[in-house]
Structure formats: C-alpha cells, structure tokens
Amino acid sequence: MAVPDARHFGPLPARLRLAGLEPGARYRDSTTGEQRGSAELMRVGIELSGPLDFGSNLVHLVRVAPDGP
C-alpha cells in the first residue's frame, strides 16, 4: 500500500520505485495481469493512480514462476 505524504505541496511523483525484489524475477499484477521484471519495478517503479492527496493505492504483485504464469 502506498500513501503519499499529504503535507507535500505541488505535483507529487506519479511513480513508486520498489526495493528488495529478487534480481531477474518477474512479477504479475494480480488485478491487471500485467507482468514486469524486477529491474524495471526497482528502476522505473509502479504508477500511482487516482487522487493522491489523502488517497491510497493497493497493488498486489505476485512473483511468476520461471516457466511462466
């Protein structure tokens, strides 16, 4: 769960970079089915959507087996 800092003034970052993921692993978003690699999630991050002031986002990522989903 990501909850942006409501005390921040001006535009908020639209992405949240993840940390500590297994190198070389792939992760699937359980809501959208979209798959991304750990390097991309740690470097680019995930997009936070919707109202950010006092809002929140819940993203459930599932590590995908090396053979596929």
PDB file of N, CA and C in Angstrom:
ATOM      1  N   MET A   1       0.850  -1.152   0.000  1.00  0.00           N
ATOM      2  CA  MET A   1       0.000   0.000   0.000  1.00  0.00           C
ATOM      3  C   MET A   1       0.901   1.221   0.000  1.00  0.00           C
ATOM      4  N   ALA A   2       0.571   2.196  -0.834  1.00  0.00           N
ATOM      5  CA  ALA A   2       1.335   3.446  -0.900  1.00  0.00           C
ATOM      6  C   ALA A   2       0.418   4.592  -0.526  1.00  0.00           C
ATOM      7  N   VAL A   3       0.829   5.378   0.442  1.00  0.00           N
ATOM      8  CA  VAL A   3       0.064   6.554   0.856  1.00  0.00           C
ATOM      9  C   VAL A   3       0.996   7.750   0.735  1.00  0.00           C
ATOM     10  N   PRO A   4       0.754   8.629  -0.245  1.00  0.00           N
ATOM     11  CA  PRO A   4       1.616   9.790  -0.416  1.00  0.00           C
ATOM     12  C   PRO A   4       1.545  10.731   0.777  1.00  0.00           C
ATOM     13  N   ASP A   5       2.594  11.491   0.982  1.00  0.00           N
ATOM     14  CA  ASP A   5       2.669  12.473   2.056  1.00  0.00           C
ATOM     15  C   ASP A   5       1.755  13.643   1.725  1.00  0.00           C
ATOM     16  N   ALA A   6       0.680  13.834   2.475  1.00  0.00           N
ATOM     17  CA  ALA A   6      -0.302  14.884   2.186  1.00  0.00           C
ATOM     18  C   ALA A   6       0.225  16.274   2.495  1.00  0.00           C
ATOM     19  N   ARG A   7       1.343  16.380   3.205  1.00  0.00           N
ATOM     20  CA  ARG A   7       1.898  17.691   3.522  1.00  0.00           C
ATOM     21  C   ARG A   7       2.713  18.262   2.378  1.00  0.00           C
ATOM     22  N   HIS A   8       2.919  17.484   1.320  1.00  0.00           N
ATOM     23  CA  HIS A   8       3.707  17.916   0.175  1.00  0.00           C
ATOM     24  C   HIS A   8       2.894  18.900  -0.664  1.00  0.00           C
ATOM     25  N   PHE A   9       3.510  19.992  -1.064  1.00  0.00           N
ATOM     26  CA  PHE A   9       2.823  20.978  -1.907  1.00  0.00           C
ATOM     27  C   PHE A   9       3.331  20.856  -3.332  1.00  0.00           C
ATOM     28  N   GLY A  10       2.459  21.059  -4.290  1.00  0.00           N
ATOM     29  CA  GLY A  10       2.841  20.940  -5.688  1.00  0.00           C
ATOM     30  C   GLY A  10       2.624  19.532  -6.188  1.00  0.00           C
ATOM     31  N   PRO A  11       3.058  19.285  -7.432  1.00  0.00           N
ATOM     32  CA  PRO A  11       2.837  17.962  -8.016  1.00  0.00           C
ATOM     33  C   PRO A  11       3.602  16.873  -7.270  1.00  0.00           C
ATOM     34  N   LEU A  12       2.949  15.758  -7.082  1.00  0.00           N
ATOM     35  CA  LEU A  12       3.579  14.605  -6.419  1.00  0.00           C
ATOM     36  C   LEU A  12       4.172  13.675  -7.464  1.00  0.00           C
ATOM     37  N   PRO A  13       5.190  12.922  -7.093  1.00  0.00           N
ATOM     38  CA  PRO A  13       5.713  11.923  -8.031  1.00  0.00           C
ATOM     39  C   PRO A  13       4.601  10.945  -8.395  1.00  0.00           C
ATOM     40  N   ALA A  14       4.552  10.573  -9.654  1.00  0.00           N
ATOM     41  CA  ALA A  14       3.491   9.681 -10.126  1.00  0.00           C
ATOM     42  C   ALA A  14       3.896   8.216 -10.048  1.00  0.00           C
ATOM     43  N   ARG A  15       5.121   7.933  -9.608  1.00  0.00           N
ATOM     44  CA  ARG A  15       5.596   6.548  -9.572  1.00  0.00           C
ATOM     45  C   ARG A  15       6.223   6.228  -8.223  1.00  0.00           C
ATOM     46  N   LEU A  16       6.130   4.971  -7.842  1.00  0.00           N
ATOM     47  CA  LEU A  16       6.742   4.482  -6.614  1.00  0.00           C
ATOM     48  C   LEU A  16       7.735   3.400  -6.999  1.00  0.00           C
ATOM     49  N   ARG A  17       9.025   3.639  -6.747  1.00  0.00           N
ATOM     50  CA  ARG A  17      10.059   2.645  -7.051  1.00  0.00           C
ATOM     51  C   ARG A  17      10.123   1.633  -5.914  1.00  0.00           C
ATOM     52  N   LEU A  18      10.144   0.353  -6.279  1.00  0.00           N
ATOM     53  CA  LEU A  18      10.194  -0.717  -5.292  1.00  0.00           C
ATOM     54  C   LEU A  18      11.644  -1.072  -4.982  1.00  0.00           C
ATOM     55  N   ALA A  19      11.862  -1.717  -3.870  1.00  0.00           N
ATOM     56  CA  ALA A  19      13.208  -2.122  -3.464  1.00  0.00           C
ATOM     57  C   ALA A  19      13.179  -3.550  -2.937  1.00  0.00           C
ATOM     58  N   GLY A  20      14.318  -4.219  -2.987  1.00  0.00           N
ATOM     59  CA  GLY A  20      14.462  -5.538  -2.389  1.00  0.00           C
ATOM     60  C   GLY A  20      13.843  -6.688  -3.160  1.00  0.00           C
ATOM     61  N   LEU A  21      13.536  -6.483  -4.442  1.00  0.00           N
ATOM     62  CA  LEU A  21      12.970  -7.581  -5.232  1.00  0.00           C
ATOM     63  C   LEU A  21      14.087  -8.520  -5.685  1.00  0.00           C
ATOM     64  N   GLU A  22      13.723  -9.755  -5.956  1.00  0.00           N
ATOM     65  CA  GLU A  22      14.705 -10.749  -6.392  1.00  0.00           C
ATOM     66  C   GLU A  22      15.209 -10.402  -7.791  1.00  0.00           C
ATOM     67  N   PRO A  23      16.525 -10.260  -7.949  1.00  0.00           N
ATOM     68  CA  PRO A  23      17.073  -9.927  -9.275  1.00  0.00           C
ATOM     69  C   PRO A  23      16.685 -10.976 -10.315  1.00  0.00           C
ATOM     70  N   GLY A  24      16.261 -10.513 -11.476  1.00  0.00           N
ATOM     71  CA  GLY A  24      15.906 -11.411 -12.572  1.00  0.00           C
ATOM     72  C   GLY A  24      14.513 -11.999 -12.493  1.00  0.00           C
ATOM     73  N   ALA A  25      13.795 -11.760 -11.407  1.00  0.00           N
ATOM     74  CA  ALA A  25      12.440 -12.322 -11.255  1.00  0.00           C
ATOM     75  C   ALA A  25      11.432 -11.466 -12.015  1.00  0.00           C
ATOM     76  N   ARG A  26      10.279 -12.073 -12.317  1.00  0.00           N
ATOM     77  CA  ARG A  26       9.171 -11.344 -12.946  1.00  0.00           C
ATOM     78  C   ARG A  26       8.006 -11.343 -11.962  1.00  0.00           C
ATOM     79  N   TYR A  27       7.228 -10.267 -12.010  1.00  0.00           N
ATOM     80  CA  TYR A  27       6.104 -10.098 -11.097  1.00  0.00           C
ATOM     81  C   TYR A  27       4.859  -9.749 -11.900  1.00  0.00           C
ATOM     82  N   ARG A  28       3.717 -10.323 -11.493  1.00  0.00           N
ATOM     83  CA  ARG A  28       2.433 -10.089 -12.148  1.00  0.00           C
ATOM     84  C   ARG A  28       1.525  -9.308 -11.215  1.00  0.00           C
ATOM     85  N   ASP A  29       0.892  -8.267 -11.755  1.00  0.00           N
ATOM     86  CA  ASP A  29      -0.112  -7.506 -11.013  1.00  0.00           C
ATOM     87  C   ASP A  29      -1.376  -8.358 -10.987  1.00  0.00           C
ATOM     88  N   SER A  30      -1.843  -8.736  -9.805  1.00  0.00           N
ATOM     89  CA  SER A  30      -2.985  -9.657  -9.706  1.00  0.00           C
ATOM     90  C   SER A  30      -4.293  -9.032 -10.185  1.00  0.00           C
ATOM     91  N   THR A  31      -4.370  -7.726 -10.301  1.00  0.00           N
ATOM     92  CA  THR A  31      -5.591  -7.076 -10.780  1.00  0.00           C
ATOM     93  C   THR A  31      -5.604  -6.959 -12.300  1.00  0.00           C
ATOM     94  N   THR A  32      -4.495  -6.485 -12.877  1.00  0.00           N
ATOM     95  CA  THR A  32      -4.450  -6.227 -14.320  1.00  0.00           C
ATOM     96  C   THR A  32      -3.867  -7.378 -15.122  1.00  0.00           C
ATOM     97  N   GLY A  33      -3.103  -8.276 -14.474  1.00  0.00           N
ATOM     98  CA  GLY A  33      -2.444  -9.367 -15.178  1.00  0.00           C
ATOM     99  C   GLY A  33      -1.139  -8.935 -15.842  1.00  0.00           C
ATOM    100  N   GLU A  34      -0.804  -7.660 -15.772  1.00  0.00           N
ATOM    101  CA  GLU A  34       0.414  -7.144 -16.391  1.00  0.00           C
ATOM    102  C   GLU A  34       1.648  -7.696 -15.675  1.00  0.00           C
ATOM    103  N   GLN A  35       2.660  -8.082 -16.459  1.00  0.00           N
ATOM    104  CA  GLN A  35       3.900  -8.619 -15.887  1.00  0.00           C
ATOM    105  C   GLN A  35       5.048  -7.663 -16.145  1.00  0.00           C
ATOM    106  N   ARG A  36       5.913  -7.531 -15.147  1.00  0.00           N
ATOM    107  CA  ARG A  36       7.104  -6.681 -15.262  1.00  0.00           C
ATOM    108  C   ARG A  36       8.258  -7.348 -14.545  1.00  0.00           C
ATOM    109  N   GLY A  37       9.452  -7.046 -15.002  1.00  0.00           N
ATOM    110  CA  GLY A  37      10.650  -7.583 -14.380  1.00  0.00           C
ATOM    111  C   GLY A  37      11.034  -6.787 -13.144  1.00  0.00           C
ATOM    112  N   SER A  38      11.802  -7.435 -12.265  1.00  0.00           N
ATOM    113  CA  SER A  38      12.204  -6.773 -11.022  1.00  0.00           C
ATOM    114  C   SER A  38      13.061  -5.541 -11.289  1.00  0.00           C
ATOM    115  N   ALA A  39      13.923  -5.594 -12.302  1.00  0.00           N
ATOM    116  CA  ALA A  39      14.772  -4.443 -12.609  1.00  0.00           C
ATOM    117  C   ALA A  39      13.919  -3.226 -12.978  1.00  0.00           C
ATOM    118  N   GLU A  40      12.887  -3.436 -13.778  1.00  0.00           N
ATOM    119  CA  GLU A  40      12.002  -2.335 -14.171  1.00  0.00           C
ATOM    120  C   GLU A  40      11.240  -1.783 -12.965  1.00  0.00           C
ATOM    121  N   LEU A  41      10.734  -2.672 -12.111  1.00  0.00           N
ATOM    122  CA  LEU A  41       9.981  -2.214 -10.941  1.00  0.00           C
ATOM    123  C   LEU A  41      10.855  -1.421  -9.974  1.00  0.00           C
ATOM    124  N   MET A  42      12.138  -1.781  -9.879  1.00  0.00           N
ATOM    125  CA  MET A  42      13.027  -1.068  -8.968  1.00  0.00           C
ATOM    126  C   MET A  42      13.571   0.215  -9.595  1.00  0.00           C
ATOM    127  N   ARG A  43      13.731   0.245 -10.918  1.00  0.00           N
ATOM    128  CA  ARG A  43      14.287   1.418 -11.585  1.00  0.00           C
ATOM    129  C   ARG A  43      13.202   2.421 -11.972  1.00  0.00           C
ATOM    130  N   VAL A  44      12.120   1.931 -12.599  1.00  0.00           N
ATOM    131  CA  VAL A  44      11.053   2.801 -13.093  1.00  0.00           C
ATOM    132  C   VAL A  44       9.924   2.932 -12.073  1.00  0.00           C
ATOM    133  N   GLY A  45       9.584   1.839 -11.414  1.00  0.00           N
ATOM    134  CA  GLY A  45       8.529   1.856 -10.402  1.00  0.00           C
ATOM    135  C   GLY A  45       7.155   1.543 -10.954  1.00  0.00           C
ATOM    136  N   ILE A  46       6.168   1.685 -10.090  1.00  0.00           N
ATOM    137  CA  ILE A  46       4.777   1.474 -10.481  1.00  0.00           C
ATOM    138  C   ILE A  46       4.063   2.810 -10.432  1.00  0.00           C
ATOM    139  N   GLU A  47       3.115   2.998 -11.329  1.00  0.00           N
ATOM    140  CA  GLU A  47       2.380   4.256 -11.408  1.00  0.00           C
ATOM    141  C   GLU A  47       1.308   4.297 -10.331  1.00  0.00           C
ATOM    142  N   LEU A  48       1.252   5.429  -9.630  1.00  0.00           N
ATOM    143  CA  LEU A  48       0.194   5.642  -8.646  1.00  0.00           C
ATOM    144  C   LEU A  48      -0.927   6.402  -9.337  1.00  0.00           C
ATOM    145  N   SER A  49      -2.131   5.858  -9.297  1.00  0.00           N
ATOM    146  CA  SER A  49      -3.250   6.475  -9.992  1.00  0.00           C
ATOM    147  C   SER A  49      -4.265   7.027  -8.998  1.00  0.00           C
ATOM    148  N   GLY A  50      -5.171   7.817  -9.520  1.00  0.00           N
ATOM    149  CA  GLY A  50      -6.240   8.376  -8.692  1.00  0.00           C
ATOM    150  C   GLY A  50      -5.789   9.578  -7.906  1.00  0.00           C
ATOM    151  N   PRO A  51      -6.672  10.099  -7.047  1.00  0.00           N
ATOM    152  CA  PRO A  51      -6.322  11.276  -6.255  1.00  0.00           C
ATOM    153  C   PRO A  51      -5.235  10.934  -5.247  1.00  0.00           C
ATOM    154  N   LEU A  52      -4.173  11.727  -5.222  1.00  0.00           N
ATOM    155  CA  LEU A  52      -3.053  11.408  -4.349  1.00  0.00           C
ATOM    156  C   LEU A  52      -3.154  12.091  -2.990  1.00  0.00           C
ATOM    157  N   ASP A  53      -3.838  13.234  -2.884  1.00  0.00           N
ATOM    158  CA  ASP A  53      -3.991  13.865  -1.580  1.00  0.00           C
ATOM    159  C   ASP A  53      -4.956  13.030  -0.746  1.00  0.00           C
ATOM    160  N   PHE A  54      -4.446  12.450   0.309  1.00  0.00           N
ATOM    161  CA  PHE A  54      -5.222  11.617   1.225  1.00  0.00           C
ATOM    162  C   PHE A  54      -5.805  10.386   0.535  1.00  0.00           C
ATOM    163  N   GLY A  55      -5.256  10.014  -0.604  1.00  0.00           N
ATOM    164  CA  GLY A  55      -5.689   8.818  -1.314  1.00  0.00           C
ATOM    165  C   GLY A  55      -4.693   7.699  -1.073  1.00  0.00           C
ATOM    166  N   SER A  56      -4.986   6.547  -1.600  1.00  0.00           N
ATOM    167  CA  SER A  56      -4.059   5.425  -1.476  1.00  0.00           C
ATOM    168  C   SER A  56      -4.226   4.515  -2.682  1.00  0.00           C
ATOM    169  N   ASN A  57      -3.239   3.663  -2.884  1.00  0.00           N
ATOM    170  CA  ASN A  57      -3.250   2.670  -3.952  1.00  0.00           C
ATOM    171  C   ASN A  57      -2.866   1.335  -3.345  1.00  0.00           C
ATOM    172  N   LEU A  58      -3.516   0.290  -3.786  1.00  0.00           N
ATOM    173  CA  LEU A  58      -3.156  -1.052  -3.352  1.00  0.00           C
ATOM    174  C   LEU A  58      -2.800  -1.853  -4.597  1.00  0.00           C
ATOM    175  N   VAL A  59      -1.569  -2.338  -4.656  1.00  0.00           N
ATOM    176  CA  VAL A  59      -1.105  -3.138  -5.781  1.00  0.00           C
ATOM    177  C   VAL A  59      -0.600  -4.455  -5.206  1.00  0.00           C
ATOM    178  N   HIS A  60      -1.140  -5.557  -5.709  1.00  0.00           N
ATOM    179  CA  HIS A  60      -0.723  -6.877  -5.250  1.00  0.00           C
ATOM    180  C   HIS A  60       0.106  -7.513  -6.349  1.00  0.00           C
ATOM    181  N   LEU A  61       1.417  -7.627  -6.120  1.00  0.00           N
ATOM    182  CA  LEU A  61       2.317  -8.246  -7.077  1.00  0.00           C
ATOM    183  C   LEU A  61       2.627  -9.672  -6.646  1.00  0.00           C
ATOM    184  N   VAL A  62       2.564 -10.586  -7.611  1.00  0.00           N
ATOM    185  CA  VAL A  62       2.834 -11.998  -7.362  1.00  0.00           C
ATOM    186  C   VAL A  62       4.040 -12.397  -8.201  1.00  0.00           C
ATOM    187  N   ARG A  63       5.043 -13.007  -7.567  1.00  0.00           N
ATOM    188  CA  ARG A  63       6.207 -13.456  -8.327  1.00  0.00           C
ATOM    189  C   ARG A  63       5.791 -14.608  -9.230  1.00  0.00           C
ATOM    190  N   VAL A  64       6.176 -14.507 -10.499  1.00  0.00           N
ATOM    191  CA  VAL A  64       5.809 -15.502 -11.505  1.00  0.00           C
ATOM    192  C   VAL A  64       6.891 -16.567 -11.555  1.00  0.00           C
ATOM    193  N   ALA A  65       6.481 -17.823 -11.639  1.00  0.00           N
ATOM    194  CA  ALA A  65       7.435 -18.926 -11.750  1.00  0.00           C
ATOM    195  C   ALA A  65       8.244 -18.769 -13.031  1.00  0.00           C
ATOM    196  N   PRO A  66       9.512 -19.193 -13.033  1.00  0.00           N
ATOM    197  CA  PRO A  66      10.362 -19.050 -14.226  1.00  0.00           C
ATOM    198  C   PRO A  66       9.780 -19.681 -15.473  1.00  0.00           C
ATOM    199  N   ASP A  67       8.951 -20.729 -15.334  1.00  0.00           N
ATOM    200  CA  ASP A  67       8.358 -21.408 -16.504  1.00  0.00           C
ATOM    201  C   ASP A  67       7.233 -20.614 -17.123  1.00  0.00           C
ATOM    202  N   GLY A  68       6.679 -19.625 -16.415  1.00  0.00           N
ATOM    203  CA  GLY A  68       5.540 -18.852 -16.900  1.00  0.00           C
ATOM    204  C   GLY A  68       4.501 -18.726 -15.818  1.00  0.00           C
ATOM    205  N   PRO A  69       3.365 -18.103 -16.157  1.00  0.00           N
ATOM    206  CA  PRO A  69       2.318 -17.882 -15.128  1.00  0.00           C
ATOM    207  C   PRO A  69       1.671 -19.139 -14.626  1.00  0.00           C
TER     208      PRO A  69
END
